N, C-alpha and C. Protein backbone atom coordinates (compact mmCIF):
# COMPACT_ATOMS: atom_id res chain seq x y z
N MET A 1 6.28 19.25 8.33
CA MET A 1 7.04 18.18 8.85
C MET A 1 6.69 16.94 8.62
N LEU A 2 4.88 16.64 9.27
CA LEU A 2 4.82 15.28 8.78
C LEU A 2 4.92 15.05 7.45
N ILE A 3 4.59 15.94 6.19
CA ILE A 3 4.88 15.47 5.11
C ILE A 3 6.28 14.83 4.81
N ALA A 4 7.21 15.40 5.50
CA ALA A 4 8.53 15.02 5.36
C ALA A 4 8.58 13.68 6.07
N ILE A 5 8.01 13.48 7.03
CA ILE A 5 7.99 12.03 7.42
C ILE A 5 7.27 10.96 6.75
N ILE A 6 6.30 11.45 6.13
CA ILE A 6 5.70 10.33 4.91
C ILE A 6 6.85 10.29 3.74
N ALA A 7 7.26 11.14 3.38
CA ALA A 7 8.30 10.96 2.53
C ALA A 7 9.27 9.96 2.77
N ALA A 8 10.01 10.16 4.16
CA ALA A 8 10.97 9.57 4.73
C ALA A 8 10.52 8.16 4.86
N CYS A 9 9.06 7.58 5.17
CA CYS A 9 8.94 6.46 5.45
C CYS A 9 8.67 5.56 3.95
N GLU A 10 7.92 6.53 2.99
CA GLU A 10 8.09 5.86 1.65
C GLU A 10 9.38 5.19 1.38
N ILE A 11 10.29 6.47 1.53
CA ILE A 11 11.77 6.00 0.97
C ILE A 11 12.35 4.96 2.19
N GLY A 12 11.90 4.68 3.18
CA GLY A 12 12.32 3.82 4.05
C GLY A 12 12.13 2.34 3.58
N PHE A 13 10.57 2.30 3.08
CA PHE A 13 9.92 0.99 2.81
C PHE A 13 10.65 0.47 1.96
N TRP A 14 11.23 1.24 0.66
CA TRP A 14 11.82 0.74 -0.55
C TRP A 14 13.31 0.42 0.08
N VAL A 15 14.02 1.24 1.08
CA VAL A 15 15.12 0.69 1.61
C VAL A 15 15.40 -0.53 2.34
N VAL A 16 14.46 -0.51 3.33
CA VAL A 16 14.53 -1.56 4.13
C VAL A 16 14.21 -2.79 3.30
N LEU A 17 13.11 -2.36 2.32
CA LEU A 17 13.12 -3.88 1.42
C LEU A 17 14.10 -4.21 0.30
N GLY A 18 14.57 -3.06 -0.30
CA GLY A 18 15.67 -3.63 -0.93
C GLY A 18 16.77 -4.07 -0.08
N ALA A 19 17.16 -3.69 0.90
CA ALA A 19 18.51 -4.55 1.96
C ALA A 19 17.87 -5.61 2.41
N GLY A 20 16.38 -6.11 2.59
CA GLY A 20 16.18 -7.49 2.99
C GLY A 20 16.44 -8.22 1.70
N LEU A 21 16.25 -8.03 0.36
CA LEU A 21 15.99 -8.59 -0.65
C LEU A 21 17.68 -8.92 -1.26
N LEU A 22 18.29 -7.62 -0.72
CA LEU A 22 19.79 -7.95 -1.37
C LEU A 22 20.72 -8.70 -0.17
N ALA A 23 20.21 -8.38 1.16
CA ALA A 23 20.85 -9.62 2.02
C ALA A 23 20.48 -11.03 2.10
N ARG A 24 19.26 -11.14 1.52
CA ARG A 24 18.47 -12.55 1.27
C ARG A 24 19.30 -13.09 0.07
N TYR A 25 19.37 -12.28 -1.09
CA TYR A 25 19.95 -13.23 -2.09
C TYR A 25 21.22 -12.97 -2.64
N PRO A 26 21.65 -12.07 -3.10
CA PRO A 26 22.96 -11.73 -3.68
C PRO A 26 24.06 -12.20 -2.19
N LEU A 27 23.80 -11.45 -0.84
CA LEU A 27 24.52 -11.86 -0.05
C LEU A 27 24.17 -13.11 0.40
N ARG A 28 23.16 -14.18 0.47
CA ARG A 28 22.92 -15.17 1.02
C ARG A 28 23.22 -15.08 2.25
N MET A 29 22.37 -14.01 2.85
CA MET A 29 22.30 -14.11 4.27
C MET A 29 20.77 -14.13 4.66
N ARG A 30 20.26 -15.26 4.31
CA ARG A 30 18.94 -15.89 4.80
C ARG A 30 18.18 -15.00 5.82
N ARG A 31 18.90 -15.29 6.83
CA ARG A 31 18.27 -14.73 8.33
C ARG A 31 17.94 -13.15 8.55
N LEU A 32 19.30 -12.56 7.97
CA LEU A 32 19.05 -11.51 8.13
C LEU A 32 18.47 -10.72 6.97
N GLY A 33 18.24 -11.12 5.87
CA GLY A 33 17.15 -10.86 4.78
C GLY A 33 15.47 -11.06 5.60
N GLY A 34 15.55 -12.15 5.80
CA GLY A 34 14.32 -12.00 6.32
C GLY A 34 13.88 -11.23 7.64
N LEU A 35 14.64 -11.27 8.42
CA LEU A 35 14.75 -9.94 9.73
C LEU A 35 14.17 -8.56 9.12
N LEU A 36 15.00 -8.29 8.01
CA LEU A 36 14.87 -6.98 7.47
C LEU A 36 13.37 -6.64 6.79
N LEU A 37 12.99 -8.10 6.34
CA LEU A 37 11.57 -7.87 5.80
C LEU A 37 10.35 -7.81 6.44
N LEU A 38 11.06 -8.72 7.73
CA LEU A 38 9.92 -8.50 8.81
C LEU A 38 9.84 -7.10 9.46
N CYS A 39 10.84 -6.26 9.30
CA CYS A 39 10.97 -4.98 9.46
C CYS A 39 9.93 -3.76 8.83
N VAL A 40 9.89 -4.19 7.72
CA VAL A 40 8.94 -3.29 6.58
C VAL A 40 7.86 -2.85 7.22
N PRO A 41 7.05 -3.54 7.99
CA PRO A 41 5.83 -2.88 8.71
C PRO A 41 6.04 -2.02 9.58
N LEU A 42 7.23 -2.30 10.25
CA LEU A 42 7.59 -0.93 11.47
C LEU A 42 7.45 0.49 11.00
N ILE A 43 8.09 0.53 9.58
CA ILE A 43 8.03 1.70 9.36
C ILE A 43 6.39 2.60 9.29
N ASP A 44 5.51 1.92 8.89
CA ASP A 44 3.80 2.03 9.12
C ASP A 44 3.69 2.36 10.67
N VAL A 45 4.27 2.31 11.56
CA VAL A 45 4.29 2.29 13.03
C VAL A 45 4.83 3.50 13.32
N VAL A 46 5.95 3.94 12.68
CA VAL A 46 6.55 5.21 12.88
C VAL A 46 5.68 6.22 12.24
N LEU A 47 5.20 6.23 11.23
CA LEU A 47 4.46 7.15 10.54
C LEU A 47 3.09 7.10 11.14
N LEU A 48 2.61 6.17 11.55
CA LEU A 48 1.09 6.31 12.69
C LEU A 48 1.54 6.73 14.21
N VAL A 49 2.68 6.34 14.58
CA VAL A 49 3.15 7.02 16.08
C VAL A 49 3.28 8.80 15.75
N ALA A 50 3.82 9.01 14.58
CA ALA A 50 4.34 10.67 14.29
C ALA A 50 2.97 11.23 14.02
N THR A 51 1.93 10.59 13.36
CA THR A 51 0.76 11.43 13.03
C THR A 51 -0.09 11.64 14.34
N VAL A 52 -0.04 10.46 15.18
CA VAL A 52 -0.94 10.73 16.44
C VAL A 52 -0.32 11.75 17.63
N LEU A 53 1.19 11.80 17.43
CA LEU A 53 1.72 12.62 18.20
C LEU A 53 1.50 14.30 17.75
N ASP A 54 1.34 14.05 16.55
CA ASP A 54 1.60 15.55 15.95
C ASP A 54 0.17 16.31 16.51
N LEU A 55 -1.34 15.39 16.17
CA LEU A 55 -2.52 15.49 16.71
C LEU A 55 -2.75 15.56 18.23
N ARG A 56 -2.01 15.46 18.90
CA ARG A 56 -2.26 15.35 20.42
C ARG A 56 -1.25 16.57 20.89
N ARG A 57 -0.45 17.08 19.99
CA ARG A 57 0.46 18.45 20.50
C ARG A 57 -0.62 19.47 20.08
N GLY A 58 -1.85 19.24 19.70
CA GLY A 58 -2.53 20.32 19.04
C GLY A 58 -2.58 20.79 17.71
N ALA A 59 -1.78 20.03 16.92
CA ALA A 59 -1.82 20.66 15.62
C ALA A 59 -3.40 20.45 14.70
N GLU A 60 -3.68 21.41 13.79
CA GLU A 60 -4.81 21.32 13.25
C GLU A 60 -4.68 20.41 12.57
N ALA A 61 -5.78 19.35 12.05
CA ALA A 61 -5.64 18.22 11.14
C ALA A 61 -5.53 18.72 9.74
N GLY A 62 -4.66 18.61 8.91
CA GLY A 62 -4.96 19.16 7.72
C GLY A 62 -4.16 18.24 6.58
N PHE A 63 -4.00 18.47 5.58
CA PHE A 63 -3.53 17.30 4.43
C PHE A 63 -3.08 16.61 4.60
N ALA A 64 -1.72 16.77 5.47
CA ALA A 64 -0.59 15.73 5.44
C ALA A 64 -1.24 14.75 6.38
N HIS A 65 -1.96 14.83 7.42
CA HIS A 65 -2.73 14.23 8.46
C HIS A 65 -3.83 12.91 7.70
N GLY A 66 -4.41 13.63 6.88
CA GLY A 66 -5.19 12.63 5.57
C GLY A 66 -4.18 11.86 4.91
N LEU A 67 -3.20 12.69 4.07
CA LEU A 67 -2.53 11.73 3.52
C LEU A 67 -1.87 10.50 4.05
N SER A 68 -1.28 10.69 5.51
CA SER A 68 -0.83 9.72 6.41
C SER A 68 -1.68 8.95 6.42
N ALA A 69 -2.96 8.84 6.64
CA ALA A 69 -4.34 8.09 6.76
C ALA A 69 -4.43 7.28 5.39
N ALA A 70 -4.15 7.74 4.65
CA ALA A 70 -4.33 6.98 3.08
C ALA A 70 -3.34 6.23 2.65
N TYR A 71 -1.72 6.72 3.28
CA TYR A 71 -0.45 6.12 3.00
C TYR A 71 -0.83 4.72 3.95
N LEU A 72 -0.88 5.11 4.77
CA LEU A 72 -0.85 3.74 5.83
C LEU A 72 -2.36 2.58 5.23
N GLY A 73 -3.18 3.09 5.06
CA GLY A 73 -4.32 2.25 4.47
C GLY A 73 -3.77 1.48 3.35
N TYR A 74 -3.41 2.28 2.21
CA TYR A 74 -2.80 1.71 1.01
C TYR A 74 -1.56 0.61 1.26
N SER A 75 -0.76 1.03 2.64
CA SER A 75 0.61 0.52 2.81
C SER A 75 0.13 -0.93 3.22
N ILE A 76 -0.74 -1.02 4.23
CA ILE A 76 -1.13 -1.85 5.12
C ILE A 76 -1.55 -3.21 3.70
N ALA A 77 -2.92 -2.74 2.81
CA ALA A 77 -3.44 -3.38 2.08
C ALA A 77 -2.42 -4.18 0.72
N PHE A 78 -1.67 -3.18 0.43
CA PHE A 78 -0.57 -3.43 -0.60
C PHE A 78 0.39 -3.99 -0.17
N GLY A 79 1.23 -3.83 0.80
CA GLY A 79 2.31 -3.86 1.20
C GLY A 79 2.79 -5.61 0.86
N HIS A 80 1.71 -6.46 1.36
CA HIS A 80 2.36 -7.27 1.30
C HIS A 80 2.69 -8.22 0.02
N SER A 81 1.84 -7.59 -1.05
CA SER A 81 1.93 -8.10 -2.36
C SER A 81 3.02 -7.26 -3.03
N MET A 82 3.43 -6.14 -2.67
CA MET A 82 4.46 -5.23 -2.94
C MET A 82 5.70 -6.20 -2.67
N VAL A 83 5.91 -6.41 -1.55
CA VAL A 83 6.83 -7.39 -0.93
C VAL A 83 7.02 -8.80 -2.03
N ARG A 84 6.09 -9.31 -2.12
CA ARG A 84 6.07 -10.82 -2.83
C ARG A 84 6.47 -10.14 -4.32
N TRP A 85 5.86 -9.60 -4.83
CA TRP A 85 6.16 -8.99 -6.37
C TRP A 85 7.66 -8.70 -6.52
N ALA A 86 8.52 -7.90 -5.56
CA ALA A 86 9.77 -7.74 -5.73
C ALA A 86 10.67 -8.92 -5.11
N ASP A 87 10.13 -9.47 -4.30
CA ASP A 87 10.93 -10.96 -3.80
C ASP A 87 10.78 -11.88 -4.93
N GLU A 88 9.90 -12.11 -5.70
CA GLU A 88 9.86 -12.94 -7.20
C GLU A 88 10.82 -12.37 -8.07
N ARG A 89 10.83 -11.13 -8.22
CA ARG A 89 11.90 -10.86 -9.16
C ARG A 89 13.44 -10.76 -8.48
N PHE A 90 13.73 -10.76 -7.60
CA PHE A 90 14.73 -10.76 -6.76
C PHE A 90 15.44 -12.25 -6.97
N ALA A 91 14.50 -13.14 -6.44
CA ALA A 91 14.74 -14.64 -6.42
C ALA A 91 15.06 -15.08 -7.81
N HIS A 92 14.27 -14.70 -8.96
CA HIS A 92 14.69 -14.92 -10.07
C HIS A 92 15.73 -14.53 -10.97
N ARG A 93 16.26 -13.27 -10.32
CA ARG A 93 17.32 -12.63 -11.06
C ARG A 93 18.70 -13.22 -10.45
N PHE A 94 18.63 -13.27 -8.67
CA PHE A 94 19.80 -13.74 -8.04
C PHE A 94 19.94 -14.93 -7.41
N ALA A 95 18.75 -15.45 -7.65
CA ALA A 95 18.69 -17.01 -6.83
C ALA A 95 18.26 -18.03 -8.14
N ASP A 96 18.42 -18.02 -9.15
CA ASP A 96 17.78 -18.86 -10.38
C ASP A 96 16.50 -19.36 -9.84
N GLY A 97 15.42 -18.25 -9.36
CA GLY A 97 14.00 -18.82 -9.01
C GLY A 97 13.29 -19.03 -10.44
N PRO A 98 12.08 -19.23 -10.11
CA PRO A 98 11.00 -19.22 -11.54
C PRO A 98 10.88 -17.81 -12.02
N PRO A 99 10.88 -17.58 -13.28
CA PRO A 99 10.21 -16.26 -13.61
C PRO A 99 9.02 -15.68 -12.85
N PRO A 100 9.17 -14.24 -12.74
CA PRO A 100 8.28 -13.96 -11.87
C PRO A 100 6.62 -14.01 -12.85
N ARG A 101 5.82 -13.84 -11.75
CA ARG A 101 4.52 -14.08 -12.51
C ARG A 101 3.95 -12.72 -12.54
N GLY A 102 3.18 -12.57 -13.67
CA GLY A 102 2.85 -11.39 -14.21
C GLY A 102 1.27 -11.60 -14.12
N LYS A 103 0.67 -9.96 -14.29
CA LYS A 103 -0.90 -10.26 -14.49
C LYS A 103 -1.47 -11.06 -15.66
N PRO A 104 -2.48 -11.54 -15.36
CA PRO A 104 -3.12 -12.42 -16.47
C PRO A 104 -3.54 -11.17 -17.75
N ARG A 105 -3.14 -11.56 -18.96
CA ARG A 105 -3.30 -10.80 -20.10
C ARG A 105 -5.09 -10.68 -20.71
N GLY A 106 -6.18 -11.92 -20.12
CA GLY A 106 -7.54 -12.00 -20.37
C GLY A 106 -7.93 -12.92 -19.64
N GLY A 107 -9.43 -12.97 -20.27
CA GLY A 107 -10.27 -14.10 -19.72
C GLY A 107 -10.70 -13.96 -18.32
N ARG A 108 -10.79 -15.18 -17.85
CA ARG A 108 -11.52 -15.03 -16.45
C ARG A 108 -10.46 -14.85 -15.21
N ALA A 109 -9.35 -15.34 -15.83
CA ALA A 109 -8.18 -15.11 -14.77
C ALA A 109 -7.90 -13.53 -14.75
N ARG A 110 -7.94 -12.67 -15.75
CA ARG A 110 -7.72 -11.51 -15.39
C ARG A 110 -8.80 -10.56 -14.76
N THR A 111 -9.72 -11.27 -15.07
CA THR A 111 -11.15 -10.53 -14.42
C THR A 111 -11.19 -10.88 -12.95
N ARG A 112 -10.48 -12.09 -12.19
CA ARG A 112 -10.46 -12.29 -11.07
C ARG A 112 -9.14 -11.69 -10.55
N TYR A 113 -8.03 -11.42 -11.37
CA TYR A 113 -7.03 -10.38 -10.73
C TYR A 113 -7.56 -8.89 -10.51
N GLU A 114 -8.52 -8.79 -11.36
CA GLU A 114 -8.69 -7.17 -11.37
C GLU A 114 -9.74 -6.69 -10.15
N TRP A 115 -10.55 -8.09 -9.99
CA TRP A 115 -11.47 -8.04 -8.73
C TRP A 115 -10.34 -8.38 -7.54
N ARG A 116 -9.58 -8.78 -7.50
CA ARG A 116 -8.57 -8.98 -6.12
C ARG A 116 -7.88 -7.71 -5.82
N GLU A 117 -7.43 -7.06 -7.10
CA GLU A 117 -6.87 -5.92 -6.74
C GLU A 117 -7.78 -4.56 -6.41
N PHE A 118 -9.02 -4.87 -6.66
CA PHE A 118 -9.91 -3.66 -6.28
C PHE A 118 -10.38 -4.26 -4.92
N GLY A 119 -10.08 -5.58 -4.48
CA GLY A 119 -10.69 -5.57 -2.86
C GLY A 119 -9.77 -5.07 -2.24
N LYS A 120 -8.39 -5.05 -2.61
CA LYS A 120 -7.06 -4.74 -1.73
C LYS A 120 -7.67 -3.32 -1.80
N ALA A 121 -7.80 -2.33 -2.63
CA ALA A 121 -8.25 -0.98 -2.51
C ALA A 121 -9.26 -0.92 -1.81
N ALA A 122 -10.42 -1.77 -1.70
CA ALA A 122 -11.69 -1.48 -1.14
C ALA A 122 -11.15 -1.51 0.37
N VAL A 123 -10.10 -2.31 0.70
CA VAL A 123 -9.52 -2.57 1.94
C VAL A 123 -8.74 -1.40 2.50
N ALA A 124 -7.91 -1.01 1.50
CA ALA A 124 -7.15 0.08 1.82
C ALA A 124 -8.12 1.56 2.32
N THR A 125 -9.00 1.56 1.56
CA THR A 125 -10.04 2.47 1.56
C THR A 125 -10.65 2.69 3.26
N ALA A 126 -10.92 1.38 3.52
CA ALA A 126 -11.64 1.06 4.90
C ALA A 126 -10.34 1.32 5.65
N ILE A 127 -9.65 0.96 5.57
CA ILE A 127 -8.38 1.21 6.49
C ILE A 127 -8.23 2.69 6.82
N ALA A 128 -7.94 3.13 5.55
CA ALA A 128 -7.76 4.81 5.69
C ALA A 128 -8.53 5.36 6.38
N CYS A 129 -10.25 5.20 5.82
CA CYS A 129 -11.29 5.94 6.48
C CYS A 129 -11.41 5.90 8.09
N GLY A 130 -11.23 4.51 8.67
CA GLY A 130 -11.13 4.46 9.99
C GLY A 130 -10.23 4.86 10.65
N LEU A 131 -9.25 5.23 10.34
CA LEU A 131 -7.79 5.87 10.60
C LEU A 131 -8.44 7.39 10.89
N LEU A 132 -9.17 7.60 9.74
CA LEU A 132 -9.46 9.10 9.81
C LEU A 132 -10.49 9.31 10.74
N VAL A 133 -11.53 8.64 11.08
CA VAL A 133 -12.37 8.67 11.90
C VAL A 133 -11.79 8.64 13.09
N GLY A 134 -10.79 7.62 13.36
CA GLY A 134 -10.21 7.75 14.50
C GLY A 134 -9.50 8.97 14.89
N MET A 135 -8.84 9.69 14.04
CA MET A 135 -8.29 10.75 14.48
C MET A 135 -9.37 12.08 14.76
N ILE A 136 -10.48 11.80 14.08
CA ILE A 136 -11.50 13.03 14.34
C ILE A 136 -11.73 12.56 15.95
N ALA A 137 -12.11 11.45 16.03
CA ALA A 137 -12.65 11.01 17.29
C ALA A 137 -11.62 11.62 18.61
N MET A 138 -10.32 11.26 18.07
CA MET A 138 -9.26 11.34 18.83
C MET A 138 -9.11 12.83 19.77
N VAL A 139 -9.12 13.92 18.54
CA VAL A 139 -8.83 15.20 18.63
C VAL A 139 -10.13 15.84 19.06
N GLY A 140 -11.31 15.25 18.68
CA GLY A 140 -12.91 15.75 19.71
C GLY A 140 -13.03 17.20 19.15
N ASP A 141 -12.72 17.61 18.18
CA ASP A 141 -12.83 18.90 17.89
C ASP A 141 -13.04 19.42 16.40
N ALA A 142 -14.32 19.60 16.19
CA ALA A 142 -14.77 19.77 14.61
C ALA A 142 -14.19 20.51 13.92
N GLY A 143 -13.90 21.91 14.26
CA GLY A 143 -12.96 22.66 13.76
C GLY A 143 -11.37 22.27 13.71
N ARG A 144 -11.04 21.48 14.33
CA ARG A 144 -9.59 20.92 13.79
C ARG A 144 -9.56 19.85 13.17
N THR A 145 -10.51 19.37 12.80
CA THR A 145 -10.68 17.90 12.12
C THR A 145 -11.37 18.03 10.69
N GLU A 146 -11.86 19.50 10.40
CA GLU A 146 -12.43 19.27 9.04
C GLU A 146 -11.89 18.88 7.98
N ALA A 147 -10.55 19.31 7.99
CA ALA A 147 -10.09 18.27 6.71
C ALA A 147 -10.04 17.14 6.38
N LEU A 148 -10.12 16.61 7.48
CA LEU A 148 -10.15 14.76 7.54
C LEU A 148 -11.40 14.32 6.82
N TRP A 149 -12.55 15.07 7.23
CA TRP A 149 -13.81 14.50 6.53
C TRP A 149 -13.44 14.88 4.99
N GLY A 150 -12.91 15.41 4.73
CA GLY A 150 -12.57 15.71 3.00
C GLY A 150 -11.84 14.45 2.53
N TRP A 151 -11.09 13.97 3.13
CA TRP A 151 -10.24 12.92 2.74
C TRP A 151 -11.20 11.32 2.62
N THR A 152 -11.83 11.35 3.56
CA THR A 152 -13.12 10.51 3.26
C THR A 152 -13.56 10.22 1.77
N ALA A 153 -14.09 11.23 1.11
CA ALA A 153 -14.91 11.37 0.00
C ALA A 153 -13.37 11.39 -1.11
N ARG A 154 -12.30 11.97 -0.72
CA ARG A 154 -11.33 11.91 -2.08
C ARG A 154 -11.00 10.23 -2.14
N LEU A 155 -11.18 9.56 -0.76
CA LEU A 155 -10.55 8.14 -0.87
C LEU A 155 -12.08 7.30 -1.69
N GLY A 156 -13.17 7.84 -1.14
CA GLY A 156 -14.04 7.05 -2.13
C GLY A 156 -14.18 7.42 -3.90
N LEU A 157 -13.92 8.54 -4.13
CA LEU A 157 -13.58 8.82 -5.32
C LEU A 157 -12.51 7.86 -5.83
N VAL A 158 -11.57 7.90 -5.31
CA VAL A 158 -10.37 6.89 -5.84
C VAL A 158 -11.03 5.59 -5.86
N LEU A 159 -11.68 5.21 -5.28
CA LEU A 159 -12.43 3.90 -4.92
C LEU A 159 -13.27 3.72 -6.32
N ALA A 160 -14.21 4.81 -6.38
CA ALA A 160 -15.02 4.70 -7.64
C ALA A 160 -14.29 4.35 -8.73
N ILE A 161 -13.24 5.27 -8.99
CA ILE A 161 -12.59 5.36 -10.15
C ILE A 161 -11.95 4.24 -10.06
N TRP A 162 -11.40 3.47 -9.32
CA TRP A 162 -10.65 2.20 -9.65
C TRP A 162 -11.74 1.04 -9.68
N ALA A 163 -12.76 1.16 -9.41
CA ALA A 163 -13.73 -0.29 -10.07
C ALA A 163 -14.04 -0.04 -11.46
N ILE A 164 -13.65 0.97 -12.03
CA ILE A 164 -13.98 0.96 -13.55
C ILE A 164 -13.47 -0.53 -13.95
N TRP A 165 -12.06 -0.67 -13.86
CA TRP A 165 -11.10 -1.84 -14.12
C TRP A 165 -11.99 -3.29 -13.94
N PRO A 166 -12.31 -3.70 -12.62
CA PRO A 166 -12.86 -5.01 -12.62
C PRO A 166 -13.95 -4.91 -13.36
N VAL A 167 -14.99 -3.71 -13.51
CA VAL A 167 -16.06 -3.82 -14.16
C VAL A 167 -16.04 -3.98 -15.51
N SER A 168 -15.19 -3.06 -16.11
CA SER A 168 -14.93 -3.27 -17.69
C SER A 168 -14.52 -4.70 -17.78
N HIS A 169 -13.45 -5.07 -17.22
CA HIS A 169 -13.31 -6.87 -17.25
C HIS A 169 -14.28 -7.61 -17.15
N THR A 170 -14.99 -7.46 -16.15
CA THR A 170 -16.46 -8.22 -16.08
C THR A 170 -17.63 -8.18 -17.33
N LEU A 171 -17.66 -6.98 -17.78
CA LEU A 171 -18.42 -7.00 -18.71
C LEU A 171 -18.10 -7.08 -20.02
N TRP A 172 -16.82 -6.80 -20.64
CA TRP A 172 -16.00 -6.95 -21.76
C TRP A 172 -14.60 -7.36 -21.80
N PRO A 173 -14.74 -9.04 -21.08
CA PRO A 173 -12.92 -9.50 -20.82
C PRO A 173 -12.57 -9.63 -22.03
N ALA A 174 -11.24 -9.63 -22.20
CA ALA A 174 -10.25 -9.67 -23.13
C ALA A 174 -10.04 -11.27 -23.25
N GLU A 175 -9.62 -11.33 -24.71
CA GLU A 175 -9.59 -12.70 -25.12
C GLU A 175 -8.66 -13.63 -24.06
N PRO A 176 -8.33 -14.55 -23.69
CA PRO A 176 -7.68 -15.18 -22.84
C PRO A 176 -6.33 -15.55 -24.06
N GLY A 177 -5.45 -16.07 -23.41
CA GLY A 177 -4.21 -16.50 -24.17
C GLY A 177 -3.04 -15.55 -24.19
N GLY A 178 -2.13 -15.94 -24.76
CA GLY A 178 -1.19 -15.02 -24.81
C GLY A 178 0.05 -14.94 -23.58
N GLN A 179 0.74 -14.08 -23.45
CA GLN A 179 1.86 -14.26 -22.39
C GLN A 179 1.35 -13.01 -21.35
N GLN A 180 1.79 -13.49 -20.07
CA GLN A 180 1.24 -12.35 -19.28
C GLN A 180 2.04 -11.30 -19.14
N SER A 181 1.29 -10.05 -18.97
CA SER A 181 2.15 -8.93 -18.96
C SER A 181 2.63 -8.88 -17.18
N ASP A 182 4.04 -8.12 -17.29
CA ASP A 182 4.39 -7.79 -15.86
C ASP A 182 4.16 -6.59 -15.51
N ARG A 183 3.84 -6.80 -13.87
CA ARG A 183 3.21 -5.58 -13.17
C ARG A 183 3.93 -5.72 -11.76
C-alpha cells in the first residue's frame, strides 16, 4: 500500500507542478499558478503522514518505509530546483522568457555546478537518514525496524557514487567554452 502512495505522490508532484505552470503561463492565471506551485510541498507532507500512520499501526518497517524516507529527502533537497527548472522552460515557451539555463559544459563553472548538485545530494541523504532514524526511534522495536538501517547504508553508497562527478571535474576539469548543455 505504501508503494502505491509513493507512486501517487510522485505522479501528484508532476501533476500539481504541471497544473501550476499551465495556469501561470498559457492560461495567464498567475495567482492560481502560484498557489498551485506553493502546494507542491504538501505532497511530501501527505507521504510523511502516510508513512508515520503505517508505522504507528504496527507495520513492520520494510522497503517501502525506507523508500519513503529516501523520496522525501530527495524531494525536499531537489524539489525547489526541479520547480525552477520547469518554470524556466515554461516561461521561455509560453511567456517569451529568456532561454533556459543549462549546466555549464566545462571549466570552473562546471566544477561549481557539480559540487552544488553533490551538496544537494548530501542534504537529501542527511534528511532521509534523519527520517529513518526518527522512524526507528518512533517504533522503538529493533526487530520491526531492521530494514531501515539497511537504507542508511544504501543512501551512503548512492552519495559515495555521486561524489565521483564533482571529484572528477575538480581533478580533470573539462575545457570551458561552448554552449551550455540542457538539464
